[in-house]
Amino acid sequence: AISCLAQSNYSHTNCRLSTSAYTDISGTGTTIAMTNAQSGNSTTAQNIGFNFTFNGTVFTQFMIHADGILRFGTAAPGAATLIAVNPGSSYGGVFTSTSTLFQNIVMPLFCDLVQGTAAPQYHVQVTGVAPDRVCTIQWKNVRDTDNSASTLEHQFENMEFQIKLYETTNNIEIVFGNWIPSANAAANRFST
């Protein structure tokens, strides 16, 4: 089982459960090149395709990390391994970190992610017409890693998820696709 923790300076009353369907963009989106497919950042800042306001600042670009992090702007985000050595407990440190690597970020699934059933893929796609465009950022073919002693084995063989940024509303939506469970013994794993 994977537990989740979230925190933000935004009111929880503005959050809602959505039922958007996951639509794979790997065949239609633009590939995001990574410095390392399992532990790196996007090699260059990616265009959102429109002005997006986050935390009171207007952004036009973002960078991603393979560990399930998006950072608005042109600077790379930090990695799960910068927060905790044990990927089973990496969830809390990001909220107490004073590192600028963890400012202006969205984490659809923040934990130490590695290759799933195929090579990891990262894509971006802008759809729609102004002023109703949507920027979709996708992580595909990733899974949670085993810890160094393999006492906490991965819980999934493959995971896929997306962040959707909405132009008109400045809403952020996190959409989860297919997650294929592993045959490993069930264990608590933590992500943010």
Protein backbone atom coordinates (compact mmCIF):
# COMPACT_ATOMS: atom_id res chain seq x y z
CA ALA A 1 0.00 0.00 0.00
CA ILE A 2 1.19 3.53 -0.68
CA SER A 3 0.18 6.27 1.75
CA CYS A 4 0.09 9.87 0.62
CA LEU A 5 0.71 13.18 2.37
CA ALA A 6 -0.01 16.61 1.00
CA GLN A 7 0.55 20.15 2.18
CA SER A 8 0.19 23.53 0.59
CA ASN A 9 -0.43 27.15 1.46
CA TYR A 10 -3.70 26.88 -0.44
CA SER A 11 -6.97 26.25 1.34
CA HIS A 12 -8.18 22.65 1.33
CA THR A 13 -11.65 24.00 0.57
CA ASN A 14 -10.41 24.71 -2.95
CA CYS A 15 -9.45 21.06 -3.50
CA ARG A 16 -11.87 18.60 -4.99
CA LEU A 17 -11.97 15.02 -6.17
CA SER A 18 -12.12 14.85 -9.94
CA THR A 19 -13.05 11.99 -12.21
CA SER A 20 -11.03 12.89 -15.30
CA ALA A 21 -9.92 9.89 -17.30
CA TYR A 22 -6.23 9.20 -17.85
CA THR A 23 -5.48 9.52 -21.56
CA ASP A 24 -1.99 8.38 -22.55
CA ILE A 25 -0.13 11.11 -24.48
CA SER A 26 3.02 9.11 -25.28
CA GLY A 27 1.92 8.78 -28.92
CA THR A 28 0.84 12.40 -29.39
CA GLY A 29 2.88 14.46 -26.92
CA THR A 30 6.44 15.76 -27.12
CA THR A 31 9.11 13.65 -25.42
CA ILE A 32 10.81 15.34 -22.49
CA ALA A 33 14.53 14.53 -22.62
CA MET A 34 16.00 13.64 -19.21
CA THR A 35 19.53 13.85 -17.84
CA ASN A 36 18.90 10.33 -16.47
CA ALA A 37 15.64 8.47 -17.11
CA GLN A 38 15.47 7.07 -13.55
CA SER A 39 17.09 9.74 -11.39
CA GLY A 40 17.48 12.92 -13.39
CA ASN A 41 15.82 16.15 -14.40
CA SER A 42 14.51 17.30 -17.74
CA THR A 43 17.48 18.53 -19.76
CA THR A 44 15.81 21.85 -20.59
CA ALA A 45 12.88 23.90 -19.36
CA GLN A 46 9.62 22.92 -21.07
CA ASN A 47 7.03 25.42 -22.28
CA ILE A 48 3.63 25.39 -20.59
CA GLY A 49 2.14 26.98 -23.72
CA PHE A 50 0.42 29.81 -21.84
CA ASN A 51 0.82 31.93 -18.71
CA PHE A 52 0.12 29.90 -15.58
CA THR A 53 -0.13 31.52 -12.15
CA PHE A 54 1.15 29.49 -9.21
CA ASN A 55 1.76 30.77 -5.69
CA GLY A 56 1.20 34.35 -6.91
CA THR A 57 3.80 34.16 -9.70
CA VAL A 58 3.19 33.83 -13.44
CA PHE A 59 5.17 31.00 -15.06
CA THR A 60 5.57 30.00 -18.71
CA GLN A 61 7.96 27.05 -18.23
CA PHE A 62 8.65 24.10 -15.95
CA MET A 63 11.23 21.41 -15.25
CA ILE A 64 10.51 17.86 -14.03
CA HIS A 65 12.40 15.25 -12.05
CA ALA A 66 12.05 11.51 -12.64
CA ASP A 67 11.01 11.12 -8.98
CA GLY A 68 7.59 12.62 -9.72
CA ILE A 69 8.22 16.33 -9.23
CA LEU A 70 7.34 19.35 -11.36
CA ARG A 71 8.97 22.70 -10.60
CA PHE A 72 7.68 25.86 -12.21
CA GLY A 73 10.33 28.05 -13.85
CA THR A 74 13.66 27.20 -15.46
CA ALA A 75 15.50 25.69 -12.47
CA ALA A 76 15.51 21.96 -11.80
CA PRO A 77 13.72 20.52 -8.75
CA GLY A 78 15.33 18.40 -6.06
CA ALA A 79 15.10 14.61 -5.95
CA ALA A 80 13.53 12.25 -3.42
CA THR A 81 17.02 11.09 -2.48
CA LEU A 82 17.88 14.63 -1.29
CA ILE A 83 15.20 14.33 1.38
CA ALA A 84 15.74 10.87 2.82
CA VAL A 85 17.97 7.88 2.18
CA ASN A 86 15.14 5.39 2.71
CA PRO A 87 12.56 5.77 -0.08
CA GLY A 88 10.03 4.17 2.26
CA SER A 89 10.02 7.33 4.37
CA SER A 90 10.80 10.21 2.03
CA TYR A 91 7.45 11.92 2.46
CA GLY A 92 7.96 14.42 5.25
CA GLY A 93 11.26 16.16 4.65
CA VAL A 94 10.21 18.16 1.63
CA PHE A 95 7.86 20.22 3.77
CA THR A 96 10.56 21.11 6.29
CA SER A 97 13.32 21.63 3.74
CA THR A 98 14.62 25.17 3.31
CA SER A 99 16.23 24.25 0.00
CA THR A 100 15.21 26.37 -2.98
CA LEU A 101 15.07 23.08 -4.93
CA PHE A 102 11.66 22.51 -3.33
CA GLN A 103 10.02 25.87 -4.07
CA ASN A 104 7.18 26.28 -6.58
CA ILE A 105 6.69 22.55 -6.98
CA VAL A 106 3.85 20.12 -7.62
CA MET A 107 4.36 16.49 -6.69
CA PRO A 108 1.87 14.09 -8.24
CA LEU A 109 3.85 11.16 -6.79
CA PHE A 110 7.04 12.10 -4.96
CA CYS A 111 9.17 9.09 -4.07
CA ASP A 112 12.24 7.35 -5.44
CA LEU A 113 10.95 6.07 -8.79
CA VAL A 114 12.80 3.69 -11.12
CA GLN A 115 12.09 1.85 -14.38
CA GLY A 116 8.85 -0.10 -14.47
CA THR A 117 7.98 -2.79 -17.01
CA ALA A 118 9.58 -0.79 -19.86
CA ALA A 119 11.89 2.20 -20.25
CA PRO A 120 10.55 5.28 -18.41
CA GLN A 121 8.87 7.89 -20.61
CA TYR A 122 8.15 11.56 -19.98
CA HIS A 123 5.92 13.68 -22.24
CA VAL A 124 4.23 17.07 -22.47
CA GLN A 125 1.28 18.10 -24.61
CA VAL A 126 -0.76 21.30 -24.89
CA THR A 127 -4.32 20.88 -26.13
CA GLY A 128 -7.24 23.22 -26.72
CA VAL A 129 -7.54 26.79 -27.94
CA ALA A 130 -6.82 29.98 -25.98
CA PRO A 131 -8.09 30.82 -23.43
CA ASP A 132 -9.01 27.20 -22.61
CA ARG A 133 -5.75 25.35 -23.17
CA VAL A 134 -4.54 22.46 -21.02
CA CYS A 135 -0.89 21.47 -20.53
CA THR A 136 -0.50 17.77 -19.68
CA ILE A 137 2.78 16.44 -18.26
CA GLN A 138 3.12 12.65 -18.08
CA TRP A 139 5.31 10.10 -16.27
CA LYS A 140 4.98 6.56 -17.67
CA ASN A 141 6.65 3.17 -17.05
CA VAL A 142 7.92 3.95 -13.54
CA ARG A 143 7.61 2.14 -10.22
CA ASP A 144 8.56 2.62 -6.59
CA THR A 145 12.07 1.39 -5.83
CA ASP A 146 13.18 -1.26 -3.35
CA ASN A 147 15.12 0.16 -0.44
CA SER A 148 18.84 -0.58 -0.20
CA ALA A 149 18.39 -3.58 2.11
CA SER A 150 15.42 -4.87 0.05
CA THR A 151 13.39 -5.17 3.24
CA LEU A 152 10.75 -2.95 1.63
CA GLU A 153 10.22 -4.31 -1.85
CA HIS A 154 8.39 -2.38 -4.54
CA GLN A 155 4.62 -2.51 -4.39
CA PHE A 156 3.98 -1.88 -8.08
CA GLU A 157 5.49 -3.19 -11.30
CA ASN A 158 4.39 -0.16 -13.29
CA MET A 159 2.73 3.21 -12.67
CA GLU A 160 1.65 6.11 -14.87
CA PHE A 161 0.40 9.55 -13.88
CA GLN A 162 -0.06 13.09 -15.15
CA ILE A 163 -0.30 16.71 -14.08
CA LYS A 164 -2.78 18.88 -15.99
CA LEU A 165 -2.47 22.67 -15.89
CA TYR A 166 -5.58 24.63 -16.92
CA GLU A 167 -5.14 28.03 -18.56
CA THR A 168 -8.43 29.75 -17.72
CA THR A 169 -8.74 28.65 -14.09
CA ASN A 170 -5.08 28.06 -13.13
CA ASN A 171 -6.30 24.75 -11.71
CA ILE A 172 -3.92 21.85 -11.27
CA GLU A 173 -5.23 18.33 -11.74
CA ILE A 174 -3.38 15.12 -10.93
CA VAL A 175 -4.59 12.11 -12.91
CA PHE A 176 -3.46 8.54 -12.22
CA GLY A 177 -3.50 5.89 -14.93
CA ASN A 178 -2.94 2.14 -14.63
CA TRP A 179 -0.93 0.89 -11.68
CA ILE A 180 0.10 -2.75 -11.93
CA PRO A 181 0.63 -4.32 -8.48
CA SER A 182 3.71 -6.43 -7.81
CA ALA A 183 3.67 -9.91 -6.27
CA ASN A 184 5.86 -8.68 -3.37
CA ALA A 185 4.62 -8.84 0.20
CA ALA A 186 2.37 -5.89 1.05
CA ALA A 187 4.21 -3.14 2.92
CA ASN A 188 3.59 0.48 3.78
CA ARG A 189 5.36 2.79 1.36
CA PHE A 190 5.15 6.54 1.63
CA SER A 191 4.95 9.15 -1.07
CA THR A 192 3.97 12.80 -1.18
